[in-house]
Amino acid sequence: MIYGSSTNRSARPIWTADELGLEYELVATEELMTDSVPRSVHPQGKIPSAKVGDLMLFEFVAICEYLCDIDPNNRLLGESGSSQRATYSQWASFAQSEIEAYLWHNFQLDRAGQEGNSFATVKDLNIGIASSGLKVINSHLESHEYFGGPLFTLTDIVVGWTLNWARRSELTEDFPAIEAYLAKLLSRPYCSLAK
C-alpha cells in the first residue's frame, strides 16, 4: 500500500512499483485526509509512506530502494556493494542536496506568501545554486543516455523527478541535454512525472 499521490514526492514510489510490475493499492487525495496511517507512520505526518507486508516505511528513497530490494526480478537497482548501486547513491544524493533542497526552499518561501516579495534575494540565491547543480547534470547527460549508462534505472526515477520539478520551475531551458532526457522519461509508459 502506497500513501500519496502522483503529483508530489509519492510519484517516485508509484513509478518504481509500476516499473517493477508490483501490485499495490494507492491511498491518495481524499482518502489521505481521513486516513490516520500516513500521519502515524511519518514523524511529521507527511507523505509518501508505504506498508509493505508488515513493514511501514516513510520517505521516498527508503520506499523505492526497498521495493527494488525485495523484487526478485529487480532490474532498477544494483546489489549493495555494486558499482551500479554506488552510482545510484551518488546521483540521488547530488540531486537531493544540490537541486531539490533549493527548489523545496523556494516552494516553502512561496507558501509563506510574504507581502512585498521580501524573499526575492533568497529565492534568487536558491535558483543560482540549483542551476549550478543542473549544469553538472546537463554535462553528464550530454554523454549518457541514462544516469546508469544505457539502461533506465531507479536513479532516473529519483533524479528525473527532481529535474522535472526544475523544468516546471522554468530552470532547464538553458540545459538542452536535460530537456532531451526529460522528454525521453516523459515518453515512458509508467512515467508519473507531471507534464
Protein backbone atom coordinates (compact mmCIF):
# COMPACT_ATOMS: atom_id res chain seq x y z
CA MET A 1 0.00 0.00 0.00
CA ILE A 2 1.41 3.39 -1.00
CA TYR A 3 0.14 6.55 0.65
CA GLY A 4 0.47 9.63 -1.52
CA SER A 5 -0.34 10.92 -4.97
CA SER A 6 1.46 11.20 -8.27
CA THR A 7 1.65 14.99 -8.02
CA ASN A 8 4.24 15.03 -5.22
CA ARG A 9 7.24 13.03 -3.99
CA SER A 10 5.00 9.97 -3.82
CA ALA A 11 5.25 9.81 -7.61
CA ARG A 12 8.64 8.13 -7.25
CA PRO A 13 7.48 5.06 -5.27
CA ILE A 14 4.44 4.79 -7.54
CA TRP A 15 6.61 4.91 -10.66
CA THR A 16 9.08 2.43 -9.13
CA ALA A 17 6.34 -0.06 -8.28
CA ASP A 18 4.88 0.29 -11.77
CA GLU A 19 8.24 -0.23 -13.49
CA LEU A 20 8.84 -3.33 -11.35
CA GLY A 21 5.37 -4.65 -12.16
CA LEU A 22 4.40 -4.82 -8.49
CA GLU A 23 0.79 -4.87 -7.40
CA TYR A 24 -0.14 -2.24 -4.83
CA GLU A 25 -3.02 -0.22 -3.53
CA LEU A 26 -2.72 3.55 -3.75
CA VAL A 27 -4.31 5.57 -0.97
CA ALA A 28 -4.46 9.08 -2.35
CA THR A 29 -6.07 12.52 -2.21
CA GLU A 30 -9.40 12.49 -0.33
CA GLU A 31 -8.63 9.22 1.45
CA LEU A 32 -5.40 10.69 2.82
CA MET A 33 -7.34 13.42 4.57
CA THR A 34 -9.28 10.90 6.65
CA ASP A 35 -6.73 8.08 6.96
CA SER A 36 -4.59 8.30 10.08
CA VAL A 37 -1.96 5.80 8.83
CA PRO A 38 0.30 8.26 6.93
CA ARG A 39 0.26 10.64 9.89
CA SER A 40 1.14 7.80 12.26
CA VAL A 41 3.97 6.44 10.05
CA HIS A 42 5.85 9.63 9.20
CA PRO A 43 7.13 11.51 12.27
CA GLN A 44 5.96 14.77 10.66
CA GLY A 45 2.74 13.34 9.22
CA LYS A 46 3.95 13.73 5.62
CA ILE A 47 3.72 11.56 2.52
CA PRO A 48 4.82 9.35 0.96
CA SER A 49 4.65 6.39 3.24
CA ALA A 50 4.07 2.74 2.45
CA LYS A 51 3.02 -0.51 4.02
CA VAL A 52 4.87 -3.48 2.53
CA GLY A 53 3.84 -6.65 4.31
CA ASP A 54 4.18 -5.82 8.00
CA LEU A 55 6.78 -3.11 7.38
CA MET A 56 5.76 0.55 7.49
CA LEU A 57 8.14 2.96 5.74
CA PHE A 58 8.30 6.67 5.11
CA GLU A 59 10.43 8.80 2.75
CA PHE A 60 10.52 8.03 -0.95
CA VAL A 61 14.18 6.89 -1.09
CA ALA A 62 13.65 4.21 1.54
CA ILE A 63 10.43 3.04 -0.11
CA CYS A 64 11.88 2.91 -3.64
CA GLU A 65 15.04 1.11 -2.56
CA TYR A 66 13.10 -1.42 -0.52
CA LEU A 67 10.71 -2.16 -3.39
CA CYS A 68 13.72 -2.85 -5.62
CA ASP A 69 15.48 -4.95 -2.99
CA ILE A 70 12.51 -7.24 -2.34
CA ASP A 71 11.66 -7.78 -6.03
CA PRO A 72 13.37 -10.97 -7.23
CA ASN A 73 13.30 -9.63 -10.81
CA ASN A 74 14.68 -6.22 -9.83
CA ARG A 75 16.28 -4.54 -12.81
CA LEU A 76 16.26 -0.99 -11.47
CA LEU A 77 18.83 -1.04 -8.66
CA GLY A 78 22.14 -2.86 -8.36
CA GLU A 79 23.02 -5.03 -5.41
CA SER A 80 24.55 -3.49 -2.31
CA GLY A 81 28.28 -3.02 -2.94
CA SER A 82 27.92 -2.92 -6.74
CA SER A 83 29.09 -0.02 -8.90
CA GLN A 84 25.51 0.48 -10.11
CA ARG A 85 24.33 0.90 -6.50
CA ALA A 86 27.14 3.39 -5.80
CA THR A 87 26.29 5.39 -8.94
CA TYR A 88 22.63 5.48 -7.89
CA SER A 89 23.56 6.75 -4.41
CA GLN A 90 25.89 9.36 -5.86
CA TRP A 91 23.36 10.92 -8.27
CA ALA A 92 20.38 10.58 -5.93
CA SER A 93 22.30 12.35 -3.16
CA PHE A 94 23.56 15.02 -5.54
CA ALA A 95 20.08 15.77 -6.90
CA GLN A 96 18.61 15.96 -3.40
CA SER A 97 21.28 18.17 -1.88
CA GLU A 98 22.31 20.36 -4.82
CA ILE A 99 18.99 20.92 -6.60
CA GLU A 100 15.87 19.68 -4.84
CA ALA A 101 16.69 21.22 -1.46
CA TYR A 102 16.77 24.67 -3.08
CA LEU A 103 13.59 24.07 -5.09
CA TRP A 104 11.87 22.95 -1.88
CA HIS A 105 13.11 26.01 -0.02
CA ASN A 106 11.71 28.31 -2.71
CA PHE A 107 8.42 26.40 -2.63
CA GLN A 108 8.22 26.99 1.12
CA LEU A 109 9.04 30.68 0.69
CA ASP A 110 6.27 30.98 -1.90
CA ARG A 111 3.86 29.30 0.51
CA ALA A 112 4.78 31.80 3.21
CA GLY A 113 3.37 34.49 0.91
CA GLN A 114 5.12 37.49 2.39
CA GLU A 115 3.97 40.85 1.11
CA GLY A 116 6.43 42.92 -0.90
CA ASN A 117 8.44 39.89 -2.08
CA SER A 118 10.79 40.09 0.90
CA PHE A 119 12.27 36.71 -0.02
CA ALA A 120 13.39 37.69 -3.54
CA THR A 121 17.11 37.73 -2.70
CA VAL A 122 17.00 34.33 -1.01
CA LYS A 123 14.97 32.85 -3.87
CA ASP A 124 17.47 34.18 -6.42
CA LEU A 125 20.32 32.66 -4.41
CA ASN A 126 18.49 29.31 -4.32
CA ILE A 127 17.93 29.42 -8.08
CA GLY A 128 21.62 30.14 -8.65
CA ILE A 129 22.72 27.20 -6.51
CA ALA A 130 20.19 24.83 -8.10
CA SER A 131 21.29 25.98 -11.56
CA SER A 132 24.88 25.13 -10.69
CA GLY A 133 23.74 21.57 -9.90
CA LEU A 134 21.70 21.45 -13.12
CA LYS A 135 24.81 22.42 -15.07
CA VAL A 136 26.68 19.40 -13.66
CA ILE A 137 23.82 17.07 -14.54
CA ASN A 138 23.43 18.54 -18.02
CA SER A 139 27.13 17.92 -18.65
CA HIS A 140 26.75 14.28 -17.54
CA LEU A 141 23.70 13.74 -19.73
CA GLU A 142 25.48 15.09 -22.80
CA SER A 143 27.37 11.79 -22.96
CA HIS A 144 24.99 9.37 -21.20
CA GLU A 145 21.57 8.14 -22.25
CA TYR A 146 20.55 7.49 -18.64
CA PHE A 147 22.30 8.04 -15.31
CA GLY A 148 23.31 4.40 -15.04
CA GLY A 149 24.52 4.23 -18.66
CA PRO A 150 22.41 2.75 -21.47
CA LEU A 151 19.70 1.32 -19.19
CA PHE A 152 16.89 3.02 -17.28
CA THR A 153 17.30 2.56 -13.51
CA LEU A 154 15.95 3.80 -10.20
CA THR A 155 18.42 6.68 -10.50
CA ASP A 156 16.36 8.00 -13.41
CA ILE A 157 13.16 7.86 -11.38
CA VAL A 158 14.67 9.63 -8.38
CA VAL A 159 16.74 12.24 -10.23
CA GLY A 160 14.25 12.58 -13.10
CA TRP A 161 11.53 13.73 -10.70
CA THR A 162 13.82 16.46 -9.37
CA LEU A 163 14.81 17.55 -12.88
CA ASN A 164 11.17 17.68 -13.89
CA TRP A 165 10.46 19.96 -10.93
CA ALA A 166 13.28 22.19 -12.14
CA ARG A 167 11.76 22.14 -15.65
CA ARG A 168 8.34 23.07 -14.28
CA SER A 169 10.06 25.91 -12.39
CA GLU A 170 11.46 27.10 -15.74
CA LEU A 171 15.09 26.41 -14.79
CA THR A 172 16.08 23.96 -17.54
CA GLU A 173 15.68 25.99 -20.73
CA ASP A 174 19.46 26.57 -20.93
CA PHE A 175 20.21 22.86 -20.45
CA PRO A 176 19.35 21.02 -23.69
CA ALA A 177 20.62 17.63 -22.52
CA ILE A 178 18.29 17.78 -19.51
CA GLU A 179 15.38 18.82 -21.72
CA ALA A 180 16.03 15.90 -24.12
CA TYR A 181 16.44 13.49 -21.20
CA LEU A 182 13.13 14.59 -19.65
CA ALA A 183 11.35 14.18 -22.98
CA LYS A 184 12.62 10.58 -23.03
CA LEU A 185 11.39 9.96 -19.46
CA LEU A 186 8.01 11.52 -20.15
CA SER A 187 7.52 9.09 -23.04
CA ARG A 188 7.92 6.02 -20.80
CA PRO A 189 4.62 4.15 -20.28
CA TYR A 190 4.79 4.16 -16.47
CA CYS A 191 6.18 7.67 -16.07
CA SER A 192 4.41 9.52 -13.28
CA LEU A 193 6.07 12.89 -13.84
CA ALA A 194 3.71 15.84 -14.08
CA LYS A 195 3.82 17.28 -17.57
